[in-house]
Amino acid sequence: MSRPVKFTAPAPRHVRSSFDLTPEETRGVVDLALRLKRDRAAGVDQRYLPGKVLGLVFEKPSLRTRVSFEAAIAHLGGACIFLTGKEVGLGERETVADFAGVMSGYVDALAIRTFAQSRVDELAAASAKPVINALSDRDHPCQALGDLATVLEHFGRLDGIRIAFVGTRTTCRNHWRRRRGIAASNSRWRRRRRTNSTTSSWRGSRRRAGPARSA
């Protein structure tokens, strides 16, 4: 008697950080987002994901990130399940591995907004479905994509644009590195970080875009 054939599902593609997408993929996502925006304004039916379910797990509160995810999946014909950190008890009532296993059986993708990047990485390692970082202490890749879309929509290009950034360095640092990675080498940018007593500033020189890195 022959043994039953075992089928192995392909590993899911995660977006744990801004560096999980190559510069070409990042530009492709931004271009697609702007096309969907234009099509929606023109009344084009955008139900490309009927029957798909997005799971949202937010250990940190949010307004724009939550609304944008829920509105997007609804516009695409899918549905959303929202869970707060208290409801899940991730790492307390439920181990990350157990939670990933349960959610993988119900949803088609999972977005997590949390305090530590290690939580995103651990969830992605245990999940059979794609995991999206909706904010951690190290990165905010969805914000990066939104920023790039705004620049491209208003200026029509990403190269040769001067960017001034004012704010905290932690979650925005990596996504601005990604922004520089897909722009042309003559892009220049300036970032300011305000501390308790001083304000520091950095100016990036003209550099060639380097290879994508994994965080």
N, C-alpha and C. Protein backbone atom coordinates (compact mmCIF):
# COMPACT_ATOMS: atom_id res chain seq x y z
N MET A 1 0.85 -1.19 0.00
CA MET A 1 0.00 0.00 0.00
C MET A 1 0.89 1.25 0.00
N SER A 2 0.59 2.14 -0.92
CA SER A 2 1.39 3.36 -1.01
C SER A 2 1.04 4.33 0.10
N ARG A 3 2.01 5.11 0.51
CA ARG A 3 1.78 6.10 1.56
C ARG A 3 1.07 7.32 0.99
N PRO A 4 0.21 7.95 1.80
CA PRO A 4 -0.49 9.16 1.31
C PRO A 4 0.51 10.27 1.04
N VAL A 5 0.22 11.02 0.00
CA VAL A 5 1.09 12.14 -0.37
C VAL A 5 0.84 13.31 0.57
N LYS A 6 1.90 13.88 1.10
CA LYS A 6 1.77 15.03 1.98
C LYS A 6 2.06 16.31 1.19
N PHE A 7 1.16 17.24 1.30
CA PHE A 7 1.33 18.52 0.61
C PHE A 7 1.76 19.57 1.62
N THR A 8 2.80 20.28 1.30
CA THR A 8 3.32 21.32 2.18
C THR A 8 2.92 22.68 1.62
N ALA A 9 2.20 23.46 2.42
CA ALA A 9 1.78 24.79 1.97
C ALA A 9 3.00 25.69 1.85
N PRO A 10 3.03 26.57 0.86
CA PRO A 10 4.16 27.50 0.73
C PRO A 10 4.23 28.43 1.93
N ALA A 11 5.43 28.80 2.31
CA ALA A 11 5.61 29.71 3.45
C ALA A 11 4.96 31.05 3.14
N PRO A 12 4.23 31.61 4.10
CA PRO A 12 3.58 32.90 3.85
C PRO A 12 4.60 34.02 3.73
N ARG A 13 4.23 35.04 3.00
CA ARG A 13 5.09 36.22 2.84
C ARG A 13 4.67 37.25 3.88
N HIS A 14 5.57 37.63 4.76
CA HIS A 14 5.26 38.58 5.83
C HIS A 14 5.81 39.96 5.52
N VAL A 15 5.23 40.97 6.17
CA VAL A 15 5.79 42.32 6.14
C VAL A 15 6.05 42.70 7.60
N ARG A 16 7.16 42.19 8.12
CA ARG A 16 7.53 42.46 9.50
C ARG A 16 8.16 43.84 9.67
N SER A 17 8.81 44.30 8.60
CA SER A 17 9.46 45.60 8.64
C SER A 17 9.48 46.18 7.24
N SER A 18 9.92 47.41 7.13
CA SER A 18 10.02 48.07 5.83
C SER A 18 10.99 47.35 4.91
N PHE A 19 11.92 46.58 5.47
CA PHE A 19 12.94 45.93 4.68
C PHE A 19 12.53 44.55 4.17
N ASP A 20 11.32 44.11 4.48
CA ASP A 20 10.84 42.84 3.95
C ASP A 20 10.38 42.97 2.50
N LEU A 21 10.24 44.18 2.02
CA LEU A 21 9.91 44.43 0.62
C LEU A 21 11.14 45.00 -0.08
N THR A 22 11.43 44.50 -1.27
CA THR A 22 12.53 45.06 -2.04
C THR A 22 12.13 46.45 -2.53
N PRO A 23 13.08 47.27 -2.95
CA PRO A 23 12.72 48.58 -3.50
C PRO A 23 11.72 48.47 -4.65
N GLU A 24 11.89 47.46 -5.50
CA GLU A 24 10.96 47.29 -6.62
C GLU A 24 9.57 46.91 -6.14
N GLU A 25 9.50 46.03 -5.15
CA GLU A 25 8.20 45.64 -4.60
C GLU A 25 7.54 46.81 -3.89
N THR A 26 8.33 47.61 -3.17
CA THR A 26 7.79 48.78 -2.49
C THR A 26 7.18 49.74 -3.49
N ARG A 27 7.88 50.01 -4.57
CA ARG A 27 7.35 50.91 -5.59
C ARG A 27 6.09 50.31 -6.22
N GLY A 28 6.08 48.99 -6.42
CA GLY A 28 4.90 48.35 -6.98
C GLY A 28 3.68 48.47 -6.09
N VAL A 29 3.87 48.32 -4.77
CA VAL A 29 2.76 48.46 -3.83
C VAL A 29 2.23 49.88 -3.84
N VAL A 30 3.14 50.85 -3.86
CA VAL A 30 2.73 52.26 -3.87
C VAL A 30 1.96 52.59 -5.15
N ASP A 31 2.46 52.13 -6.28
CA ASP A 31 1.76 52.37 -7.55
C ASP A 31 0.38 51.74 -7.55
N LEU A 32 0.27 50.52 -7.02
CA LEU A 32 -1.02 49.84 -6.96
C LEU A 32 -1.99 50.59 -6.06
N ALA A 33 -1.50 51.07 -4.91
CA ALA A 33 -2.35 51.81 -3.98
C ALA A 33 -2.92 53.06 -4.64
N LEU A 34 -2.09 53.78 -5.37
CA LEU A 34 -2.56 55.00 -6.03
C LEU A 34 -3.54 54.67 -7.15
N ARG A 35 -3.32 53.56 -7.85
CA ARG A 35 -4.27 53.17 -8.90
C ARG A 35 -5.62 52.81 -8.29
N LEU A 36 -5.61 52.07 -7.18
CA LEU A 36 -6.85 51.72 -6.51
C LEU A 36 -7.59 52.97 -6.01
N LYS A 37 -6.82 53.94 -5.54
CA LYS A 37 -7.42 55.18 -5.08
C LYS A 37 -8.11 55.91 -6.23
N ARG A 38 -7.44 55.98 -7.37
CA ARG A 38 -8.04 56.63 -8.54
C ARG A 38 -9.27 55.87 -9.03
N ASP A 39 -9.18 54.54 -9.07
CA ASP A 39 -10.32 53.73 -9.52
C ASP A 39 -11.51 53.88 -8.60
N ARG A 40 -11.25 53.94 -7.30
CA ARG A 40 -12.36 54.11 -6.36
C ARG A 40 -13.05 55.46 -6.59
N ALA A 41 -12.27 56.51 -6.82
CA ALA A 41 -12.85 57.83 -7.08
C ALA A 41 -13.67 57.83 -8.36
N ALA A 42 -13.30 56.95 -9.30
CA ALA A 42 -14.02 56.87 -10.58
C ALA A 42 -15.20 55.90 -10.51
N GLY A 43 -15.42 55.28 -9.35
CA GLY A 43 -16.55 54.38 -9.20
C GLY A 43 -16.31 52.96 -9.69
N VAL A 44 -15.07 52.57 -9.86
CA VAL A 44 -14.75 51.22 -10.33
C VAL A 44 -14.96 50.22 -9.20
N ASP A 45 -15.61 49.09 -9.51
CA ASP A 45 -15.82 48.03 -8.53
C ASP A 45 -14.48 47.45 -8.12
N GLN A 46 -14.17 47.45 -6.83
CA GLN A 46 -12.87 47.01 -6.34
C GLN A 46 -12.96 45.78 -5.45
N ARG A 47 -13.98 44.99 -5.58
CA ARG A 47 -14.13 43.82 -4.72
C ARG A 47 -13.24 42.67 -5.22
N TYR A 48 -11.94 42.85 -5.02
CA TYR A 48 -10.96 41.87 -5.47
C TYR A 48 -10.71 40.77 -4.44
N LEU A 49 -11.19 40.95 -3.21
CA LEU A 49 -10.92 39.99 -2.14
C LEU A 49 -12.22 39.49 -1.48
N PRO A 50 -13.18 39.03 -2.26
CA PRO A 50 -14.43 38.55 -1.65
C PRO A 50 -14.18 37.30 -0.81
N GLY A 51 -14.78 37.28 0.35
CA GLY A 51 -14.64 36.12 1.23
C GLY A 51 -13.37 36.07 2.04
N LYS A 52 -12.45 37.01 1.83
CA LYS A 52 -11.20 37.04 2.59
C LYS A 52 -11.41 37.76 3.92
N VAL A 53 -10.71 37.29 4.95
CA VAL A 53 -10.86 37.87 6.29
C VAL A 53 -9.50 38.34 6.80
N LEU A 54 -9.47 39.58 7.25
CA LEU A 54 -8.26 40.18 7.84
C LEU A 54 -8.43 40.22 9.35
N GLY A 55 -7.47 39.67 10.08
CA GLY A 55 -7.48 39.76 11.53
C GLY A 55 -6.62 40.92 12.00
N LEU A 56 -7.17 41.75 12.88
CA LEU A 56 -6.43 42.87 13.45
C LEU A 56 -6.25 42.63 14.94
N VAL A 57 -5.02 42.65 15.40
CA VAL A 57 -4.72 42.52 16.82
C VAL A 57 -3.96 43.76 17.24
N PHE A 58 -4.59 44.60 18.04
CA PHE A 58 -3.99 45.87 18.43
C PHE A 58 -3.77 45.89 19.94
N GLU A 59 -2.50 45.71 20.33
CA GLU A 59 -2.14 45.85 21.75
C GLU A 59 -1.96 47.31 22.12
N LYS A 60 -1.80 48.17 21.11
CA LYS A 60 -1.73 49.62 21.32
C LYS A 60 -2.92 50.26 20.64
N PRO A 61 -3.50 51.29 21.23
CA PRO A 61 -4.67 51.94 20.62
C PRO A 61 -4.29 52.65 19.33
N SER A 62 -5.28 52.85 18.48
CA SER A 62 -5.02 53.50 17.19
C SER A 62 -6.30 54.10 16.65
N LEU A 63 -6.16 55.16 15.89
CA LEU A 63 -7.28 55.72 15.14
C LEU A 63 -7.08 55.46 13.66
N ARG A 64 -6.10 56.12 13.06
CA ARG A 64 -5.91 56.06 11.60
C ARG A 64 -5.53 54.69 11.10
N THR A 65 -4.64 54.00 11.82
CA THR A 65 -4.20 52.69 11.34
C THR A 65 -5.35 51.70 11.34
N ARG A 66 -6.12 51.67 12.42
CA ARG A 66 -7.25 50.75 12.48
C ARG A 66 -8.29 51.07 11.42
N VAL A 67 -8.68 52.34 11.32
CA VAL A 67 -9.70 52.72 10.35
C VAL A 67 -9.24 52.43 8.93
N SER A 68 -7.97 52.70 8.63
CA SER A 68 -7.49 52.48 7.26
C SER A 68 -7.51 51.00 6.90
N PHE A 69 -7.11 50.13 7.83
CA PHE A 69 -7.15 48.69 7.57
C PHE A 69 -8.59 48.21 7.38
N GLU A 70 -9.48 48.61 8.27
CA GLU A 70 -10.86 48.14 8.19
C GLU A 70 -11.55 48.67 6.94
N ALA A 71 -11.31 49.93 6.61
CA ALA A 71 -11.93 50.50 5.41
C ALA A 71 -11.38 49.83 4.15
N ALA A 72 -10.08 49.56 4.13
CA ALA A 72 -9.46 48.97 2.94
C ALA A 72 -10.01 47.58 2.66
N ILE A 73 -10.09 46.72 3.67
CA ILE A 73 -10.57 45.36 3.43
C ILE A 73 -12.05 45.38 3.06
N ALA A 74 -12.81 46.33 3.60
CA ALA A 74 -14.22 46.45 3.22
C ALA A 74 -14.37 46.89 1.77
N HIS A 75 -13.55 47.86 1.34
CA HIS A 75 -13.60 48.33 -0.05
C HIS A 75 -13.24 47.21 -1.02
N LEU A 76 -12.38 46.28 -0.57
CA LEU A 76 -11.94 45.19 -1.43
C LEU A 76 -12.86 43.98 -1.36
N GLY A 77 -13.94 44.09 -0.62
CA GLY A 77 -14.94 43.03 -0.57
C GLY A 77 -14.73 42.00 0.51
N GLY A 78 -13.75 42.22 1.38
CA GLY A 78 -13.49 41.28 2.47
C GLY A 78 -14.09 41.73 3.78
N ALA A 79 -13.71 41.04 4.85
CA ALA A 79 -14.23 41.34 6.19
C ALA A 79 -13.06 41.44 7.15
N CYS A 80 -13.34 41.98 8.33
CA CYS A 80 -12.29 42.22 9.33
C CYS A 80 -12.74 41.74 10.70
N ILE A 81 -11.83 41.16 11.46
CA ILE A 81 -12.05 40.80 12.85
C ILE A 81 -11.07 41.60 13.69
N PHE A 82 -11.57 42.40 14.62
CA PHE A 82 -10.70 43.25 15.44
C PHE A 82 -10.64 42.72 16.86
N LEU A 83 -9.42 42.59 17.39
CA LEU A 83 -9.19 42.13 18.74
C LEU A 83 -8.21 43.06 19.45
N THR A 84 -8.52 43.42 20.68
CA THR A 84 -7.60 44.22 21.48
C THR A 84 -6.63 43.31 22.21
N GLY A 85 -5.58 43.90 22.74
CA GLY A 85 -4.61 43.12 23.49
C GLY A 85 -5.22 42.45 24.71
N LYS A 86 -6.14 43.13 25.39
CA LYS A 86 -6.77 42.55 26.57
C LYS A 86 -7.64 41.35 26.21
N GLU A 87 -8.30 41.41 25.07
CA GLU A 87 -9.14 40.30 24.64
C GLU A 87 -8.31 39.06 24.34
N VAL A 88 -7.14 39.25 23.78
CA VAL A 88 -6.31 38.13 23.37
C VAL A 88 -5.46 37.60 24.52
N GLY A 89 -4.89 38.51 25.29
CA GLY A 89 -3.98 38.09 26.35
C GLY A 89 -2.74 37.43 25.78
N LEU A 90 -2.21 38.02 24.72
CA LEU A 90 -1.08 37.42 24.00
C LEU A 90 0.14 37.35 24.91
N GLY A 91 0.69 36.15 25.05
CA GLY A 91 1.84 35.94 25.92
C GLY A 91 1.45 35.72 27.37
N GLU A 92 0.16 35.80 27.68
CA GLU A 92 -0.33 35.57 29.04
C GLU A 92 -1.32 34.40 29.04
N ARG A 93 -2.56 34.65 28.62
CA ARG A 93 -3.52 33.55 28.50
C ARG A 93 -3.19 32.65 27.33
N GLU A 94 -2.69 33.25 26.26
CA GLU A 94 -2.35 32.51 25.05
C GLU A 94 -0.88 32.71 24.70
N THR A 95 -0.19 31.61 24.43
CA THR A 95 1.17 31.78 23.92
C THR A 95 1.08 32.32 22.49
N VAL A 96 2.15 32.93 22.04
CA VAL A 96 2.15 33.48 20.68
C VAL A 96 1.95 32.36 19.66
N ALA A 97 2.59 31.21 19.90
CA ALA A 97 2.46 30.09 18.96
C ALA A 97 1.03 29.57 18.91
N ASP A 98 0.37 29.43 20.07
CA ASP A 98 -1.01 28.95 20.10
C ASP A 98 -1.94 29.95 19.41
N PHE A 99 -1.72 31.22 19.70
CA PHE A 99 -2.55 32.25 19.08
C PHE A 99 -2.40 32.23 17.57
N ALA A 100 -1.15 32.10 17.09
CA ALA A 100 -0.91 32.07 15.66
C ALA A 100 -1.60 30.87 15.02
N GLY A 101 -1.59 29.74 15.70
CA GLY A 101 -2.23 28.56 15.17
C GLY A 101 -3.73 28.71 15.06
N VAL A 102 -4.35 29.27 16.09
CA VAL A 102 -5.80 29.49 16.08
C VAL A 102 -6.19 30.47 14.99
N MET A 103 -5.52 31.62 14.93
CA MET A 103 -5.87 32.64 13.95
C MET A 103 -5.62 32.17 12.52
N SER A 104 -4.60 31.35 12.33
CA SER A 104 -4.30 30.85 10.98
C SER A 104 -5.43 30.01 10.43
N GLY A 105 -6.24 29.44 11.31
CA GLY A 105 -7.36 28.63 10.86
C GLY A 105 -8.59 29.43 10.51
N TYR A 106 -8.60 30.72 10.85
CA TYR A 106 -9.80 31.53 10.64
C TYR A 106 -9.61 32.70 9.68
N VAL A 107 -8.43 33.28 9.66
CA VAL A 107 -8.23 34.49 8.86
C VAL A 107 -7.26 34.21 7.72
N ASP A 108 -7.24 35.13 6.75
CA ASP A 108 -6.36 34.99 5.59
C ASP A 108 -5.09 35.83 5.72
N ALA A 109 -5.10 36.78 6.62
CA ALA A 109 -3.93 37.61 6.91
C ALA A 109 -4.13 38.21 8.29
N LEU A 110 -3.02 38.59 8.91
CA LEU A 110 -3.08 39.09 10.28
C LEU A 110 -2.20 40.32 10.40
N ALA A 111 -2.77 41.41 10.93
CA ALA A 111 -2.01 42.63 11.18
C ALA A 111 -1.93 42.86 12.68
N ILE A 112 -0.74 43.14 13.18
CA ILE A 112 -0.56 43.32 14.61
C ILE A 112 0.09 44.68 14.90
N ARG A 113 -0.46 45.36 15.88
CA ARG A 113 0.08 46.65 16.35
C ARG A 113 0.50 46.41 17.80
N THR A 114 1.80 46.47 18.06
CA THR A 114 2.29 46.01 19.34
C THR A 114 3.43 46.89 19.83
N PHE A 115 3.97 46.53 20.98
CA PHE A 115 5.01 47.34 21.59
C PHE A 115 6.42 46.91 21.18
N ALA A 116 6.62 45.63 20.92
CA ALA A 116 7.97 45.12 20.67
C ALA A 116 8.06 44.45 19.31
N GLN A 117 9.12 44.75 18.57
CA GLN A 117 9.35 44.10 17.28
C GLN A 117 9.47 42.59 17.44
N SER A 118 10.00 42.14 18.57
CA SER A 118 10.15 40.70 18.80
C SER A 118 8.81 39.99 18.79
N ARG A 119 7.74 40.66 19.20
CA ARG A 119 6.41 40.06 19.17
C ARG A 119 5.95 39.85 17.71
N VAL A 120 6.23 40.82 16.86
CA VAL A 120 5.90 40.69 15.44
C VAL A 120 6.65 39.52 14.82
N ASP A 121 7.96 39.44 15.10
CA ASP A 121 8.80 38.39 14.53
C ASP A 121 8.37 37.01 15.02
N GLU A 122 8.04 36.90 16.30
CA GLU A 122 7.62 35.62 16.86
C GLU A 122 6.29 35.17 16.26
N LEU A 123 5.38 36.11 16.09
CA LEU A 123 4.08 35.78 15.50
C LEU A 123 4.24 35.34 14.05
N ALA A 124 5.09 36.03 13.30
CA ALA A 124 5.32 35.68 11.90
C ALA A 124 5.95 34.29 11.79
N ALA A 125 6.84 33.95 12.71
CA ALA A 125 7.51 32.65 12.66
C ALA A 125 6.54 31.50 12.90
N ALA A 126 5.47 31.76 13.67
CA ALA A 126 4.53 30.70 14.03
C ALA A 126 3.27 30.68 13.17
N SER A 127 3.05 31.73 12.38
CA SER A 127 1.79 31.86 11.64
C SER A 127 1.86 31.18 10.28
N ALA A 128 0.76 30.54 9.89
CA ALA A 128 0.65 29.95 8.56
C ALA A 128 0.06 30.93 7.57
N LYS A 129 -0.28 32.13 8.03
CA LYS A 129 -0.83 33.17 7.17
C LYS A 129 0.06 34.42 7.25
N PRO A 130 -0.01 35.28 6.24
CA PRO A 130 0.84 36.47 6.24
C PRO A 130 0.60 37.36 7.45
N VAL A 131 1.67 37.87 8.02
CA VAL A 131 1.61 38.79 9.16
C VAL A 131 2.14 40.15 8.72
N ILE A 132 1.39 41.20 9.07
CA ILE A 132 1.75 42.57 8.71
C ILE A 132 2.02 43.35 9.99
N ASN A 133 3.12 44.05 10.02
CA ASN A 133 3.45 44.92 11.14
C ASN A 133 2.67 46.23 11.01
N ALA A 134 1.72 46.45 11.91
CA ALA A 134 0.93 47.68 11.91
C ALA A 134 1.46 48.69 12.91
N LEU A 135 2.64 48.45 13.44
CA LEU A 135 3.43 49.35 14.31
C LEU A 135 4.11 48.50 15.38
N SER A 136 5.40 48.73 15.53
CA SER A 136 6.15 48.16 16.64
C SER A 136 7.08 49.25 17.15
N ASP A 137 7.94 48.88 18.09
CA ASP A 137 8.87 49.88 18.61
C ASP A 137 10.00 50.18 17.64
N ARG A 138 10.11 49.39 16.55
CA ARG A 138 11.21 49.59 15.61
C ARG A 138 10.79 50.05 14.24
N ASP A 139 9.54 49.85 13.87
CA ASP A 139 9.18 50.14 12.49
C ASP A 139 7.68 50.34 12.35
N HIS A 140 7.32 51.00 11.26
CA HIS A 140 5.91 51.20 10.90
C HIS A 140 5.83 51.14 9.38
N PRO A 141 5.98 49.95 8.80
CA PRO A 141 6.06 49.84 7.34
C PRO A 141 4.84 50.36 6.61
N CYS A 142 3.66 50.22 7.19
CA CYS A 142 2.45 50.72 6.52
C CYS A 142 2.46 52.25 6.45
N GLN A 143 2.97 52.89 7.48
CA GLN A 143 3.12 54.34 7.45
C GLN A 143 4.13 54.75 6.38
N ALA A 144 5.19 53.95 6.24
CA ALA A 144 6.18 54.24 5.21
C ALA A 144 5.55 54.21 3.82
N LEU A 145 4.75 53.19 3.56
CA LEU A 145 4.11 53.08 2.25
C LEU A 145 3.14 54.25 2.02
N GLY A 146 2.42 54.64 3.08
CA GLY A 146 1.52 55.78 2.96
C GLY A 146 2.27 57.08 2.68
N ASP A 147 3.41 57.26 3.33
CA ASP A 147 4.23 58.45 3.09
C ASP A 147 4.72 58.50 1.65
N LEU A 148 5.20 57.36 1.17
CA LEU A 148 5.70 57.31 -0.20
C LEU A 148 4.59 57.58 -1.20
N ALA A 149 3.42 57.03 -0.94
CA ALA A 149 2.29 57.27 -1.84
C ALA A 149 1.93 58.76 -1.88
N THR A 150 1.98 59.42 -0.74
CA THR A 150 1.67 60.85 -0.69
C THR A 150 2.69 61.66 -1.49
N VAL A 151 3.99 61.35 -1.30
CA VAL A 151 5.03 62.06 -2.04
C VAL A 151 4.86 61.86 -3.54
N LEU A 152 4.64 60.61 -3.95
CA LEU A 152 4.50 60.31 -5.38
C LEU A 152 3.25 60.95 -5.96
N GLU A 153 2.17 60.96 -5.20
CA GLU A 153 0.92 61.54 -5.69
C GLU A 153 1.04 63.05 -5.89
N HIS A 154 1.74 63.72 -5.00
CA HIS A 154 1.83 65.18 -5.07
C HIS A 154 2.93 65.67 -6.00
N PHE A 155 4.03 64.92 -6.10
CA PHE A 155 5.16 65.39 -6.89
C PHE A 155 5.36 64.62 -8.19
N GLY A 156 4.71 63.45 -8.30
CA GLY A 156 4.84 62.66 -9.51
C GLY A 156 6.14 61.89 -9.63
N ARG A 157 6.98 61.93 -8.61
CA ARG A 157 8.25 61.22 -8.62
C ARG A 157 8.73 61.07 -7.18
N LEU A 158 9.73 60.20 -7.01
CA LEU A 158 10.34 60.02 -5.70
C LEU A 158 11.80 60.46 -5.68
N ASP A 159 12.37 60.68 -6.85
CA ASP A 159 13.76 61.11 -6.90
C ASP A 159 13.85 62.64 -6.90
N GLY A 160 14.91 63.14 -6.30
CA GLY A 160 15.15 64.58 -6.29
C GLY A 160 14.26 65.36 -5.34
N ILE A 161 13.55 64.67 -4.44
CA ILE A 161 12.65 65.34 -3.50
C ILE A 161 13.34 65.52 -2.16
N ARG A 162 13.29 66.72 -1.61
CA ARG A 162 13.84 66.96 -0.28
C ARG A 162 12.76 66.71 0.76
N ILE A 163 13.09 65.90 1.75
CA ILE A 163 12.15 65.52 2.79
C ILE A 163 12.65 66.04 4.13
N ALA A 164 11.81 66.76 4.85
CA ALA A 164 12.12 67.20 6.21
C ALA A 164 11.24 66.41 7.16
N PHE A 165 11.84 65.75 8.14
CA PHE A 165 11.08 64.97 9.10
C PHE A 165 11.30 65.51 10.51
N VAL A 166 10.22 65.78 11.23
CA VAL A 166 10.29 66.25 12.60
C VAL A 166 9.48 65.30 13.46
N GLY A 167 10.11 64.66 14.46
CA GLY A 167 9.37 63.73 15.30
C GLY A 167 10.30 62.76 15.98
N THR A 168 9.71 61.72 16.61
CA THR A 168 10.50 60.72 17.31
C THR A 168 11.25 59.86 16.31
N ARG A 169 12.38 59.37 16.73
CA ARG A 169 13.26 58.65 15.82
C ARG A 169 12.92 57.16 15.73
N THR A 170 12.33 56.58 16.76
CA THR A 170 12.25 55.13 16.87
C THR A 170 11.49 54.47 15.73
N THR A 171 10.17 54.68 15.64
CA THR A 171 9.39 53.93 14.66
C THR A 171 9.54 54.46 13.25
N CYS A 172 10.03 55.67 13.09
CA CYS A 172 10.10 56.27 11.76
C CYS A 172 11.47 56.11 11.11
N ARG A 173 12.49 55.75 11.89
CA ARG A 173 13.84 55.69 11.35
C ARG A 173 13.96 54.71 10.19
N ASN A 174 13.49 53.47 10.40
CA ASN A 174 13.65 52.46 9.36
C ASN A 174 12.83 52.75 8.13
N HIS A 175 11.62 53.28 8.30
CA HIS A 175 10.82 53.48 7.10
C HIS A 175 11.34 54.64 6.27
N TRP A 176 12.04 55.58 6.88
CA TRP A 176 12.66 56.62 6.06
C TRP A 176 13.92 56.09 5.38
N ARG A 177 14.58 55.11 5.98
CA ARG A 177 15.69 54.45 5.29
C ARG A 177 15.16 53.72 4.06
N ARG A 178 14.01 53.09 4.18
CA ARG A 178 13.40 52.43 3.03
C ARG A 178 13.04 53.46 1.97
N ARG A 179 12.56 54.61 2.39
CA ARG A 179 12.20 55.65 1.43
C ARG A 179 13.43 56.05 0.63
N ARG A 180 14.58 56.19 1.29
CA ARG A 180 15.80 56.56 0.59
C ARG A 180 16.26 55.42 -0.31
N GLY A 181 15.94 54.17 0.08
CA GLY A 181 16.39 53.04 -0.69
C GLY A 181 15.72 52.92 -2.05
N ILE A 182 14.50 53.40 -2.21
CA ILE A 182 13.83 53.25 -3.49
C ILE A 182 13.90 54.53 -4.32
N ALA A 183 14.34 55.62 -3.71
CA ALA A 183 14.47 56.87 -4.47
C ALA A 183 15.81 56.88 -5.21
N ALA A 184 15.94 57.78 -6.12
CA ALA A 184 17.18 57.87 -6.88
C ALA A 184 18.29 58.42 -6.00
N SER A 185 19.52 58.31 -6.49
CA SER A 185 20.67 58.65 -5.66
C SER A 185 20.78 60.13 -5.36
N ASN A 186 20.04 60.97 -6.09
CA ASN A 186 20.17 62.41 -5.84
C ASN A 186 19.12 62.93 -4.86
N SER A 187 18.41 62.01 -4.20
CA SER A 187 17.45 62.46 -3.18
C SER A 187 18.20 62.95 -1.96
N ARG A 188 17.67 64.00 -1.36
CA ARG A 188 18.27 64.52 -0.14
C ARG A 188 17.17 64.65 0.91
N TRP A 189 17.56 64.46 2.14
CA TRP A 189 16.55 64.49 3.20
C TRP A 189 17.16 65.08 4.46
N ARG A 190 16.29 65.52 5.31
CA ARG A 190 16.73 66.08 6.58
C ARG A 190 15.79 65.58 7.67
N ARG A 191 16.37 65.17 8.78
CA ARG A 191 15.57 64.66 9.88
C ARG A 191 15.95 65.39 11.14
N ARG A 192 14.97 65.78 11.92
CA ARG A 192 15.22 66.44 13.19
C ARG A 192 14.63 65.60 14.31
N ARG A 193 15.39 65.48 15.39
CA ARG A 193 14.88 64.77 16.56
C ARG A 193 14.97 65.71 17.75
N ARG A 194 13.87 65.88 18.43
CA ARG A 194 13.85 66.76 19.59
C ARG A 194 14.03 65.92 20.86
N THR A 195 14.99 66.29 21.68
CA THR A 195 15.21 65.62 22.96
C THR A 195 14.80 66.57 24.07
N ASN A 196 15.05 66.17 25.32
CA ASN A 196 14.63 67.01 26.45
C ASN A 196 15.36 68.34 26.47
N SER A 197 16.61 68.35 26.03
CA SER A 197 17.39 69.59 26.17
C SER A 197 17.96 70.12 24.85
N THR A 198 18.05 69.25 23.85
CA THR A 198 18.68 69.70 22.62
C THR A 198 17.88 69.23 21.42
N THR A 199 18.14 69.85 20.31
CA THR A 199 17.57 69.41 19.04
C THR A 199 18.72 69.09 18.11
N SER A 200 18.76 67.85 17.64
CA SER A 200 19.82 67.41 16.75
C SER A 200 19.29 67.28 15.35
N SER A 201 20.14 67.47 14.38
CA SER A 201 19.69 67.32 12.99
C SER A 201 20.76 66.60 12.21
N TRP A 202 20.29 65.88 11.20
CA TRP A 202 21.19 65.15 10.32
C TRP A 202 20.80 65.47 8.88
N ARG A 203 21.78 65.52 8.03
CA ARG A 203 21.50 65.68 6.61
C ARG A 203 22.17 64.54 5.85
N GLY A 204 21.39 63.84 5.06
CA GLY A 204 21.93 62.73 4.27
C GLY A 204 22.61 63.27 3.03
N SER A 205 23.78 62.75 2.72
CA SER A 205 24.47 63.12 1.48
C SER A 205 23.94 62.28 0.33
N ARG A 206 24.42 62.59 -0.88
CA ARG A 206 23.99 61.83 -2.04
C ARG A 206 24.64 60.45 -2.01
N ARG A 207 23.76 59.44 -1.98
CA ARG A 207 24.26 58.06 -1.91
C ARG A 207 23.51 57.20 -2.89
N ARG A 208 24.15 56.16 -3.33
CA ARG A 208 23.47 55.19 -4.18
C ARG A 208 22.60 54.30 -3.31
N ALA A 209 21.46 53.88 -3.84
CA ALA A 209 20.57 53.00 -3.08
C ALA A 209 21.27 51.67 -2.86
N GLY A 210 21.25 51.20 -1.61
CA GLY A 210 21.89 49.92 -1.28
C GLY A 210 20.91 48.78 -1.40
N PRO A 211 21.37 47.54 -1.23
CA PRO A 211 20.50 46.37 -1.32
C PRO A 211 19.54 46.33 -0.14
N ALA A 212 18.38 45.65 -0.34
CA ALA A 212 17.40 45.53 0.74
C ALA A 212 18.00 44.68 1.86
N ARG A 213 17.67 45.02 3.10
CA ARG A 213 18.15 44.28 4.24
C ARG A 213 16.96 43.71 5.02
N SER A 214 17.21 42.62 5.72
CA SER A 214 16.17 42.02 6.56
C SER A 214 16.37 42.50 7.97
N ALA A 215 15.24 42.89 8.61
CA ALA A 215 15.34 43.36 9.99
C ALA A 215 15.19 42.21 10.94
